[in-house]
Amino acid sequence: MAMSVRLKHWWHADRDPLMRVIQILAVVALGIVIGTQYMTPDKRMLSVAAGALVFGIAWRLDTLTGLGLLIIALPYPRPTVFGGTNFAFILLLLLIWLLRVAQRMSPRPRATPLDIPIAGWVLAYAISFYNVANAEDLGYAMQSTEQFIVCLLLFYLLVSNIRTVADLQRIQAFQAVSLATILLIAVYELNHPNGTLIPGWIIFTNTSGGEFNLKNVRVGGPFFDFELLSEFCAVSSLLVAFLYLRARSIYGRAALAALLLLDIFVLFATVTRGAMISLGVGLLYLLFRVRRRVRVVPLTLVAGAIAGLATGMNFFVSHFTRSGDVGARLRGTHFVGLVPDSRVQAWAGAWDRFLEHPLIGHGPYYSSQTGSHIWYWPHNGYLYIANLFGLFGLTFYFALLITLFRITNRSSEDLHDPDYARAFLLVANVQLVVFIVDQIKIDYLRNTIYQFEVWVMFAMMVAASRVAQSETVRAKITRPLPFAA
């Protein structure tokens, strides 16, 4: 009796009986599929069922939460026949978002300041295919272009769905969680060089050092690249420090302080000079930006604390872990003119290769061999892009960076500014400076996982700029008139 009452209530709770009929049929169909697959499982059918389940979960979540979970999952892609799990999840979220936009459940997308540079860069990708050398390079070039397009979809998904300060803070919370997982995996790698965390998935085959060389280990974490991990840690440390300064609860500050220490520890465990120098340049630039608010005594205390933390962390990492001494590497750096000795041959070769097709480049794939000639990897983001897309593509890339610098430069000079978005833009501006400087010695496009992190950073800059503008307009509208009572 009670069951029939509940069923009647459930049936009449929705004004549209057709939707209830569809739900019943879906449940029956799902039961049939589960029953048949339990008796005679089929991989393809299970994959389809899993995809349908993921779609259902994603549809039930709001778009912003789905994007946050995607940010946590980005560093851990799994290969598939159609391009990888990141590709699938981004397309899934895009489809759901477009359906919600069509049903007016989500706001329509708006133009961004990066649209013209992005359009020019897409055109540079297309034109550069003219100089792709052979069929093998063409395949890799197509994969590289697909990766770039998927990163752009992620960028526009984030920018279109972050519209308030609360949205910005939610995504930053997901970024902090993602950073924690990346750092913990890097710590595992430090203690298990060339080991396996998850068989068939996360295998540290590129750890510098190794099981037989128990010193001078350089960790790459889930990016499997210690130079890119070091850049990620340097950029992320600024975000975590900002979240710490803005945190209100004691527990939140304690958690963020621990995350910041772990980030600095992994940064030193990568034993990478470039990220250290770039972060130093970024901190000096931050000091310049806030110079009007700086007082001598607090500045002295903060500078001393940073120097002490860096010295102590380097000593701990180099003496009590398997990692090396980044301080010794910095002291041992030599220059040939203005070029570090470790980059002379790579940069010279990349420059010569660029001059072969200076206008439109060699195509979206950097082949290390042309005929019998072996090319060194550029180890420079700007030379790398110049080789791929020539001056045409490099011009639009510079336009993108300049536009990002311009919109983030409209920030507050106070990290405690009541306007959260304007305060974050100051940190975003410094993050961009660190990234621009560090790309002189490394190229982010060479890594299929790390590319997503860069475009997430770009999206946060654009979204924060929009939110700050909206908050400014709202404040002007709500401000009382001078003659009001």
Protein backbone atom coordinates (compact mmCIF):
# COMPACT_ATOMS: atom_id res chain seq x y z
CA MET A 1 0.00 0.00 0.00
CA ALA A 2 2.76 2.44 1.00
CA MET A 3 4.70 1.49 -2.15
CA SER A 4 1.72 2.26 -4.40
CA VAL A 5 1.25 5.63 -2.70
CA ARG A 6 4.89 6.51 -3.31
CA LEU A 7 4.62 5.44 -6.95
CA LYS A 8 1.53 7.60 -7.44
CA HIS A 9 3.29 10.55 -5.82
CA TRP A 10 6.36 10.00 -8.02
CA TRP A 11 4.22 9.74 -11.18
CA HIS A 12 2.29 12.96 -10.52
CA ALA A 13 5.30 14.93 -9.21
CA ASP A 14 6.23 15.82 -12.76
CA ARG A 15 3.75 17.66 -14.91
CA ASP A 16 5.04 15.93 -18.07
CA PRO A 17 4.04 12.21 -18.04
CA LEU A 18 6.00 11.64 -21.26
CA MET A 19 9.26 12.31 -19.44
CA ARG A 20 8.32 9.73 -16.80
CA VAL A 21 7.61 7.15 -19.52
CA ILE A 22 11.01 7.86 -21.08
CA GLN A 23 12.69 7.48 -17.67
CA ILE A 24 10.98 4.12 -17.11
CA LEU A 25 12.03 2.87 -20.55
CA ALA A 26 15.61 4.05 -19.92
CA VAL A 27 15.74 2.18 -16.61
CA VAL A 28 14.37 -0.99 -18.25
CA ALA A 29 16.87 -0.71 -21.11
CA LEU A 30 19.72 -0.17 -18.66
CA GLY A 31 18.64 -3.23 -16.69
CA ILE A 32 18.62 -5.34 -19.86
CA VAL A 33 22.09 -4.12 -20.84
CA ILE A 34 23.50 -4.79 -17.36
CA GLY A 35 21.95 -8.27 -17.32
CA THR A 36 23.27 -9.29 -20.73
CA GLN A 37 26.71 -7.83 -20.05
CA TYR A 38 26.89 -9.63 -16.72
CA MET A 39 26.40 -12.94 -18.50
CA THR A 40 28.42 -12.21 -21.69
CA PRO A 41 30.49 -9.02 -21.23
CA ASP A 42 31.57 -7.10 -24.34
CA LYS A 43 34.29 -4.40 -24.14
CA ARG A 44 32.64 -2.13 -26.68
CA MET A 45 29.26 -2.26 -24.99
CA LEU A 46 30.84 -1.65 -21.60
CA SER A 47 32.65 1.38 -23.02
CA VAL A 48 29.37 2.73 -24.41
CA ALA A 49 27.64 2.14 -21.06
CA ALA A 50 30.48 3.85 -19.20
CA GLY A 51 30.27 6.78 -21.60
CA ALA A 52 26.52 7.06 -21.05
CA LEU A 53 27.07 6.97 -17.27
CA VAL A 54 29.70 9.72 -17.44
CA PHE A 55 27.39 11.81 -19.62
CA GLY A 56 24.56 11.39 -17.12
CA ILE A 57 26.76 12.42 -14.20
CA ALA A 58 28.13 15.39 -16.12
CA TRP A 59 24.61 16.49 -17.06
CA ARG A 60 23.50 16.38 -13.42
CA LEU A 61 26.46 18.53 -12.35
CA ASP A 62 26.59 22.22 -13.06
CA THR A 63 29.04 23.17 -15.80
CA LEU A 64 31.49 24.90 -13.45
CA THR A 65 31.77 21.84 -11.19
CA GLY A 66 32.32 19.68 -14.25
CA LEU A 67 35.12 21.98 -15.39
CA GLY A 68 36.66 21.86 -11.92
CA LEU A 69 36.70 18.07 -11.92
CA LEU A 70 38.17 18.19 -15.42
CA ILE A 71 41.02 20.41 -14.15
CA ILE A 72 41.82 17.75 -11.53
CA ALA A 73 41.78 15.02 -14.19
CA LEU A 74 43.79 16.89 -16.87
CA PRO A 75 47.27 15.74 -15.72
CA TYR A 76 46.24 12.08 -15.89
CA PRO A 77 44.98 11.31 -19.42
CA ARG A 78 44.44 7.81 -20.69
CA PRO A 79 45.04 6.99 -24.37
CA THR A 80 42.03 5.98 -26.43
CA VAL A 81 41.40 5.17 -30.08
CA PHE A 82 39.97 8.65 -30.67
CA GLY A 83 42.64 10.80 -28.99
CA GLY A 84 42.62 10.49 -25.20
CA THR A 85 40.36 10.99 -22.20
CA ASN A 86 41.04 14.73 -21.99
CA PHE A 87 39.80 15.09 -25.56
CA ALA A 88 36.67 13.07 -24.73
CA PHE A 89 35.85 14.88 -21.48
CA ILE A 90 36.30 18.34 -23.00
CA LEU A 91 34.04 17.47 -25.94
CA LEU A 92 31.50 16.02 -23.51
CA LEU A 93 31.44 19.19 -21.41
CA LEU A 94 31.27 21.29 -24.56
CA LEU A 95 28.26 19.31 -25.80
CA ILE A 96 26.46 19.62 -22.47
CA TRP A 97 27.21 23.34 -22.26
CA LEU A 98 25.94 23.97 -25.81
CA LEU A 99 22.74 22.06 -25.00
CA ARG A 100 22.26 24.20 -21.89
CA VAL A 101 22.92 27.36 -23.88
CA ALA A 102 20.35 26.27 -26.47
CA GLN A 103 17.82 25.66 -23.67
CA ARG A 104 18.75 29.01 -22.07
CA MET A 105 19.97 27.24 -18.94
CA SER A 106 23.42 28.83 -19.37
CA PRO A 107 24.40 32.28 -20.66
CA ARG A 108 25.57 32.66 -24.23
CA PRO A 109 29.32 32.91 -24.94
CA ARG A 110 30.86 36.32 -25.42
CA ALA A 111 33.83 37.58 -27.40
CA THR A 112 37.20 37.65 -25.59
CA PRO A 113 40.23 39.93 -26.00
CA LEU A 114 42.21 36.94 -27.33
CA ASP A 115 39.89 36.12 -30.24
CA ILE A 116 41.97 37.87 -32.92
CA PRO A 117 45.38 36.48 -31.81
CA ILE A 118 43.84 33.01 -31.48
CA ALA A 119 42.25 33.22 -34.93
CA GLY A 120 45.60 34.29 -36.38
CA TRP A 121 47.37 31.42 -34.65
CA VAL A 122 44.80 28.93 -35.96
CA LEU A 123 45.43 30.30 -39.45
CA ALA A 124 49.18 29.92 -38.88
CA TYR A 125 48.65 26.26 -38.00
CA ALA A 126 46.70 25.72 -41.23
CA ILE A 127 49.18 27.55 -43.51
CA SER A 128 52.23 25.83 -42.01
CA PHE A 129 51.01 22.44 -43.28
CA TYR A 130 52.29 23.53 -46.68
CA ASN A 131 55.86 22.73 -45.58
CA VAL A 132 55.23 19.41 -43.80
CA ALA A 133 57.97 17.17 -45.16
CA ASN A 134 56.47 13.65 -45.32
CA ALA A 135 53.53 11.44 -44.42
CA GLU A 136 54.95 10.47 -41.03
CA ASP A 137 55.41 14.11 -40.04
CA LEU A 138 51.90 14.84 -41.35
CA GLY A 139 50.42 12.38 -38.88
CA TYR A 140 52.23 13.97 -35.95
CA ALA A 141 51.29 17.44 -37.23
CA MET A 142 47.60 16.46 -37.29
CA GLN A 143 47.85 15.20 -33.70
CA SER A 144 49.53 18.45 -32.63
CA THR A 145 46.80 20.51 -34.29
CA GLU A 146 44.07 18.44 -32.66
CA GLN A 147 45.74 19.03 -29.29
CA PHE A 148 45.79 22.78 -29.93
CA ILE A 149 42.11 22.87 -30.92
CA VAL A 150 41.09 20.92 -27.79
CA CYS A 151 43.08 23.36 -25.62
CA LEU A 152 41.18 26.22 -27.25
CA LEU A 153 37.85 24.52 -26.48
CA LEU A 154 38.90 24.21 -22.83
CA PHE A 155 39.90 27.89 -22.82
CA TYR A 156 36.52 29.06 -24.14
CA LEU A 157 34.60 26.73 -21.82
CA LEU A 158 36.32 28.26 -18.79
CA VAL A 159 36.08 31.86 -19.95
CA SER A 160 32.39 31.50 -20.83
CA ASN A 161 31.39 29.94 -17.51
CA ILE A 162 33.43 31.98 -15.01
CA ARG A 163 31.31 35.09 -14.57
CA THR A 164 31.43 36.01 -10.87
CA VAL A 165 33.95 36.19 -8.05
CA ALA A 166 32.43 33.04 -6.57
CA ASP A 167 33.00 31.20 -9.86
CA LEU A 168 36.62 32.36 -9.92
CA GLN A 169 37.19 31.17 -6.36
CA ARG A 170 35.60 27.78 -7.06
CA ILE A 171 37.88 27.08 -10.01
CA GLN A 172 40.91 28.22 -8.00
CA ALA A 173 39.94 25.75 -5.28
CA PHE A 174 39.91 22.97 -7.89
CA GLN A 175 43.31 24.22 -9.13
CA ALA A 176 44.68 23.91 -5.60
CA VAL A 177 43.41 20.33 -5.33
CA SER A 178 44.91 19.48 -8.72
CA LEU A 179 48.24 21.00 -7.67
CA ALA A 180 48.23 18.90 -4.48
CA THR A 181 47.80 15.66 -6.46
CA ILE A 182 50.57 16.64 -8.89
CA LEU A 183 52.97 17.46 -6.07
CA LEU A 184 52.25 14.26 -4.15
CA ILE A 185 52.92 12.20 -7.27
CA ALA A 186 56.21 14.06 -7.74
CA VAL A 187 57.18 13.22 -4.15
CA TYR A 188 56.40 9.55 -4.86
CA GLU A 189 58.60 9.72 -7.95
CA LEU A 190 61.43 11.23 -5.92
CA ASN A 191 61.37 8.18 -3.65
CA HIS A 192 60.75 5.71 -6.50
CA PRO A 193 62.77 6.98 -9.50
CA ASN A 194 61.92 5.16 -12.72
CA GLY A 195 59.23 3.35 -10.76
CA THR A 196 55.55 2.68 -11.38
CA LEU A 197 52.70 4.31 -9.50
CA ILE A 198 49.83 2.76 -11.49
CA PRO A 199 50.78 -0.07 -13.90
CA GLY A 200 49.97 0.78 -17.49
CA TRP A 201 49.18 4.37 -16.61
CA ILE A 202 51.62 6.41 -14.49
CA ILE A 203 55.11 5.04 -15.07
CA PHE A 204 58.14 7.25 -14.42
CA THR A 205 60.35 6.16 -17.29
CA ASN A 206 61.97 9.60 -17.77
CA THR A 207 63.16 10.30 -14.23
CA SER A 208 66.61 11.88 -14.38
CA GLY A 209 68.82 9.88 -12.04
CA GLY A 210 67.36 6.42 -11.62
CA GLU A 211 67.48 3.36 -9.42
CA PHE A 212 71.22 2.87 -9.87
CA ASN A 213 72.08 6.57 -9.57
CA LEU A 214 70.41 7.37 -6.26
CA LYS A 215 71.53 11.02 -6.30
CA ASN A 216 70.75 13.96 -8.57
CA VAL A 217 67.22 12.70 -9.24
CA ARG A 218 65.10 15.28 -11.08
CA VAL A 219 61.37 14.65 -10.88
CA GLY A 220 58.85 15.37 -13.63
CA GLY A 221 55.65 14.23 -11.92
CA PRO A 222 52.64 13.45 -14.12
CA PHE A 223 54.08 15.73 -16.84
CA PHE A 224 57.12 13.39 -17.08
CA ASP A 225 59.26 16.49 -17.69
CA PHE A 226 61.23 18.10 -14.85
CA GLU A 227 61.66 21.46 -16.62
CA LEU A 228 57.94 21.88 -17.24
CA LEU A 229 57.10 20.68 -13.73
CA SER A 230 59.48 23.30 -12.33
CA GLU A 231 57.76 26.02 -14.36
CA PHE A 232 54.36 24.81 -13.18
CA CYS A 233 55.52 24.89 -9.55
CA ALA A 234 56.96 28.40 -9.95
CA VAL A 235 53.73 29.76 -11.45
CA SER A 236 51.51 27.84 -9.00
CA SER A 237 53.43 29.07 -5.95
CA LEU A 238 52.20 32.59 -6.69
CA LEU A 239 48.57 31.44 -6.82
CA VAL A 240 48.87 29.44 -3.58
CA ALA A 241 50.53 32.39 -1.80
CA PHE A 242 47.67 34.62 -2.96
CA LEU A 243 45.04 32.14 -1.74
CA TYR A 244 46.87 31.97 1.60
CA LEU A 245 46.79 35.75 1.99
CA ARG A 246 43.08 35.86 1.15
CA ALA A 247 42.08 32.86 3.31
CA ARG A 248 39.90 33.70 6.30
CA SER A 249 39.88 30.49 8.34
CA ILE A 250 42.78 29.11 10.33
CA TYR A 251 42.33 25.66 8.81
CA GLY A 252 42.33 27.08 5.30
CA ARG A 253 45.53 29.00 5.94
CA ALA A 254 47.19 25.94 7.47
CA ALA A 255 46.28 23.79 4.47
CA LEU A 256 47.48 26.42 1.99
CA ALA A 257 50.71 26.98 3.93
CA ALA A 258 51.41 23.23 3.76
CA LEU A 259 50.61 23.23 0.04
CA LEU A 260 52.97 26.15 -0.56
CA LEU A 261 55.82 24.41 1.31
CA LEU A 262 55.21 21.22 -0.68
CA ASP A 263 55.21 23.24 -3.92
CA ILE A 264 58.56 24.86 -3.06
CA PHE A 265 59.97 21.46 -2.08
CA VAL A 266 59.05 19.93 -5.45
CA LEU A 267 60.37 23.04 -7.22
CA PHE A 268 63.79 22.42 -5.67
CA ALA A 269 63.49 18.65 -6.35
CA THR A 270 63.32 19.37 -10.09
CA VAL A 271 66.83 20.91 -9.78
CA THR A 272 66.04 23.37 -12.57
CA ARG A 273 67.81 26.72 -12.72
CA GLY A 274 65.51 28.41 -15.22
CA ALA A 275 62.38 28.22 -13.06
CA MET A 276 64.29 29.60 -10.06
CA ILE A 277 65.54 32.55 -12.08
CA SER A 278 62.11 33.15 -13.62
CA LEU A 279 60.42 33.09 -10.21
CA GLY A 280 63.05 35.50 -8.91
CA VAL A 281 62.35 37.86 -11.80
CA GLY A 282 58.63 37.55 -11.09
CA LEU A 283 59.06 38.43 -7.40
CA LEU A 284 61.16 41.48 -8.30
CA TYR A 285 58.46 42.54 -10.76
CA LEU A 286 55.82 42.07 -8.03
CA LEU A 287 57.89 44.29 -5.74
CA PHE A 288 57.95 46.92 -8.47
CA ARG A 289 54.17 46.71 -8.91
CA VAL A 290 53.46 47.21 -5.18
CA ARG A 291 56.31 49.67 -4.55
CA ARG A 292 53.96 52.44 -3.40
CA ARG A 293 52.65 50.25 -0.58
CA VAL A 294 55.97 48.80 0.51
CA ARG A 295 57.40 49.63 3.93
CA VAL A 296 61.02 48.99 4.74
CA VAL A 297 60.66 46.83 7.86
CA PRO A 298 58.03 44.39 6.50
CA LEU A 299 59.92 44.18 3.19
CA THR A 300 63.14 43.30 5.03
CA LEU A 301 61.37 40.61 7.04
CA VAL A 302 59.68 39.10 3.99
CA ALA A 303 62.90 39.16 1.93
CA GLY A 304 64.79 37.51 4.76
CA ALA A 305 62.10 34.86 5.15
CA ILE A 306 62.17 34.07 1.41
CA ALA A 307 65.98 33.86 1.38
CA GLY A 308 65.99 31.69 4.48
CA LEU A 309 63.29 29.39 3.10
CA ALA A 310 65.15 29.00 -0.22
CA THR A 311 68.48 28.29 1.51
CA GLY A 312 66.96 25.84 3.97
CA MET A 313 64.90 24.04 1.36
CA ASN A 314 67.89 23.65 -0.98
CA PHE A 315 69.99 22.26 1.88
CA PHE A 316 67.26 19.81 2.90
CA VAL A 317 66.58 18.62 -0.66
CA SER A 318 70.25 18.21 -1.57
CA HIS A 319 71.31 16.50 1.68
CA PHE A 320 68.28 14.49 2.83
CA THR A 321 66.65 13.38 -0.43
CA ARG A 322 67.80 11.74 -3.65
CA SER A 323 67.62 15.05 -5.50
CA GLY A 324 70.52 17.34 -6.39
CA ASP A 325 71.75 20.80 -5.43
CA VAL A 326 70.15 23.52 -7.54
CA GLY A 327 72.28 26.14 -5.78
CA ALA A 328 75.43 24.44 -7.04
CA ARG A 329 73.97 24.36 -10.55
CA LEU A 330 73.24 28.08 -10.37
CA ARG A 331 76.76 28.85 -9.19
CA GLY A 332 78.20 26.69 -11.97
CA THR A 333 76.30 28.41 -14.77
CA HIS A 334 78.48 29.82 -17.56
CA PHE A 335 77.52 32.09 -20.43
CA VAL A 336 78.73 32.45 -23.98
CA GLY A 337 77.89 36.10 -24.49
CA LEU A 338 74.28 36.29 -23.23
CA VAL A 339 73.50 32.63 -23.93
CA PRO A 340 73.89 29.88 -21.27
CA ASP A 341 76.53 27.38 -22.35
CA SER A 342 73.99 24.54 -22.19
CA ARG A 343 71.81 26.27 -24.81
CA VAL A 344 74.38 27.52 -27.33
CA GLN A 345 74.22 24.56 -29.69
CA ALA A 346 70.45 24.07 -29.40
CA TRP A 347 69.58 27.72 -30.03
CA ALA A 348 72.05 28.04 -32.92
CA GLY A 349 70.61 24.95 -34.61
CA ALA A 350 67.03 26.11 -34.06
CA TRP A 351 67.88 29.49 -35.58
CA ASP A 352 69.42 27.86 -38.66
CA ARG A 353 66.40 25.61 -39.07
CA PHE A 354 64.04 28.57 -38.71
CA LEU A 355 65.81 30.38 -41.57
CA GLU A 356 64.90 27.54 -43.95
CA HIS A 357 61.21 28.57 -43.84
CA PRO A 358 61.16 31.90 -41.97
CA LEU A 359 57.67 33.04 -43.04
CA ILE A 360 55.30 30.12 -42.43
CA GLY A 361 57.52 27.53 -40.71
CA HIS A 362 57.95 23.79 -41.12
CA GLY A 363 54.50 22.74 -39.87
CA PRO A 364 52.97 21.85 -36.47
CA TYR A 365 55.51 19.10 -35.76
CA TYR A 366 59.17 19.58 -34.91
CA SER A 367 61.04 16.78 -36.67
CA SER A 368 64.46 16.19 -35.15
CA GLN A 369 65.84 14.85 -38.43
CA THR A 370 65.79 16.20 -42.00
CA GLY A 371 67.42 13.71 -44.36
CA SER A 372 70.74 12.90 -42.71
CA HIS A 373 70.81 16.10 -40.63
CA ILE A 374 70.05 15.77 -36.91
CA TRP A 375 68.52 18.86 -35.26
CA TYR A 376 68.84 19.63 -31.57
CA TRP A 377 65.62 20.41 -29.74
CA PRO A 378 65.22 24.23 -29.53
CA HIS A 379 64.75 24.45 -25.72
CA ASN A 380 63.21 27.86 -26.32
CA GLY A 381 59.48 28.46 -26.65
CA TYR A 382 59.84 31.31 -29.09
CA LEU A 383 62.34 29.56 -31.37
CA TYR A 384 60.14 26.49 -31.23
CA ILE A 385 57.07 28.41 -32.43
CA ALA A 386 59.16 30.24 -35.05
CA ASN A 387 60.28 26.85 -36.40
CA LEU A 388 56.75 25.49 -36.50
CA PHE A 389 54.81 28.52 -37.80
CA GLY A 390 57.42 31.05 -38.91
CA LEU A 391 57.21 34.78 -38.33
CA PHE A 392 53.51 34.68 -39.19
CA GLY A 393 52.61 32.41 -36.27
CA LEU A 394 55.17 33.96 -33.91
CA THR A 395 53.61 37.39 -34.48
CA PHE A 396 50.18 36.20 -33.37
CA TYR A 397 51.71 34.37 -30.39
CA PHE A 398 53.38 37.61 -29.27
CA ALA A 399 50.07 39.41 -29.83
CA LEU A 400 48.39 36.87 -27.53
CA LEU A 401 51.00 37.38 -24.78
CA ILE A 402 50.88 41.17 -25.12
CA THR A 403 47.09 41.14 -24.88
CA LEU A 404 47.23 38.98 -21.78
CA PHE A 405 49.78 41.32 -20.22
CA ARG A 406 47.62 44.33 -21.03
CA ILE A 407 44.42 42.93 -19.50
CA THR A 408 46.16 41.61 -16.37
CA ASN A 409 48.06 44.86 -15.93
CA ARG A 410 44.75 46.60 -15.13
CA SER A 411 44.94 45.20 -11.65
CA SER A 412 45.08 46.51 -8.14
CA GLU A 413 48.37 47.25 -6.41
CA ASP A 414 47.08 45.65 -3.21
CA LEU A 415 46.81 41.89 -2.74
CA HIS A 416 44.24 42.58 -0.01
CA ASP A 417 42.06 44.72 -2.26
CA PRO A 418 38.33 44.26 -1.43
CA ASP A 419 37.81 43.54 -5.12
CA TYR A 420 38.98 39.92 -5.23
CA ALA A 421 39.25 39.73 -9.02
CA ARG A 422 41.37 42.91 -9.29
CA ALA A 423 43.68 41.62 -6.55
CA PHE A 424 44.06 38.27 -8.34
CA LEU A 425 44.89 40.05 -11.60
CA LEU A 426 48.05 41.36 -9.93
CA VAL A 427 49.12 37.77 -9.24
CA ALA A 428 48.05 36.72 -12.75
CA ASN A 429 50.19 39.51 -14.19
CA VAL A 430 53.22 38.23 -12.27
CA GLN A 431 52.44 34.63 -13.30
CA LEU A 432 52.50 35.74 -16.92
CA VAL A 433 55.90 37.42 -16.45
CA VAL A 434 57.30 34.22 -14.89
CA PHE A 435 55.91 32.19 -17.80
CA ILE A 436 57.28 34.57 -20.47
CA VAL A 437 60.75 34.57 -18.90
CA ASP A 438 60.85 30.81 -18.36
CA GLN A 439 59.81 30.06 -21.94
CA ILE A 440 63.18 31.46 -23.02
CA LYS A 441 64.74 28.17 -21.96
CA ILE A 442 61.87 25.69 -22.42
CA ASP A 443 58.94 25.14 -24.82
CA TYR A 444 55.55 24.20 -23.37
CA LEU A 445 54.17 22.97 -26.72
CA ARG A 446 56.41 19.92 -26.62
CA ASN A 447 54.29 18.30 -23.88
CA THR A 448 50.75 17.11 -24.61
CA ILE A 449 49.71 17.16 -20.92
CA TYR A 450 51.22 20.46 -19.81
CA GLN A 451 49.63 22.41 -22.67
CA PHE A 452 46.26 22.19 -20.92
CA GLU A 453 47.68 23.78 -17.77
CA VAL A 454 48.97 26.75 -19.77
CA TRP A 455 45.60 27.35 -21.39
CA VAL A 456 43.84 27.04 -18.02
CA MET A 457 46.17 29.79 -16.78
CA PHE A 458 45.34 31.96 -19.82
CA ALA A 459 41.61 31.36 -19.28
CA MET A 460 41.83 32.38 -15.62
CA MET A 461 43.50 35.64 -16.65
CA VAL A 462 40.81 36.51 -19.18
CA ALA A 463 37.98 35.44 -16.87
CA ALA A 464 39.36 37.43 -13.93
CA SER A 465 39.68 40.50 -16.15
CA ARG A 466 36.02 40.19 -17.16
CA VAL A 467 34.88 39.65 -13.57
CA ALA A 468 36.87 42.67 -12.41
CA GLN A 469 35.26 44.83 -15.10
CA SER A 470 31.80 43.60 -14.11
CA GLU A 471 32.46 44.32 -10.43
CA THR A 472 33.67 47.82 -11.28
CA VAL A 473 30.54 48.55 -13.33
CA ARG A 474 28.32 47.13 -10.57
CA ALA A 475 30.05 49.30 -7.96
CA LYS A 476 29.48 52.43 -10.07
CA ILE A 477 25.80 51.61 -10.52
CA THR A 478 25.17 50.95 -6.82
CA ARG A 479 27.22 53.93 -5.60
CA PRO A 480 24.88 56.51 -4.00
CA LEU A 481 24.59 59.93 -5.65
CA PRO A 482 26.37 62.84 -3.92
CA PHE A 483 23.11 64.65 -3.26
CA ALA A 484 21.26 61.59 -1.99
CA ALA A 485 19.98 61.73 1.56
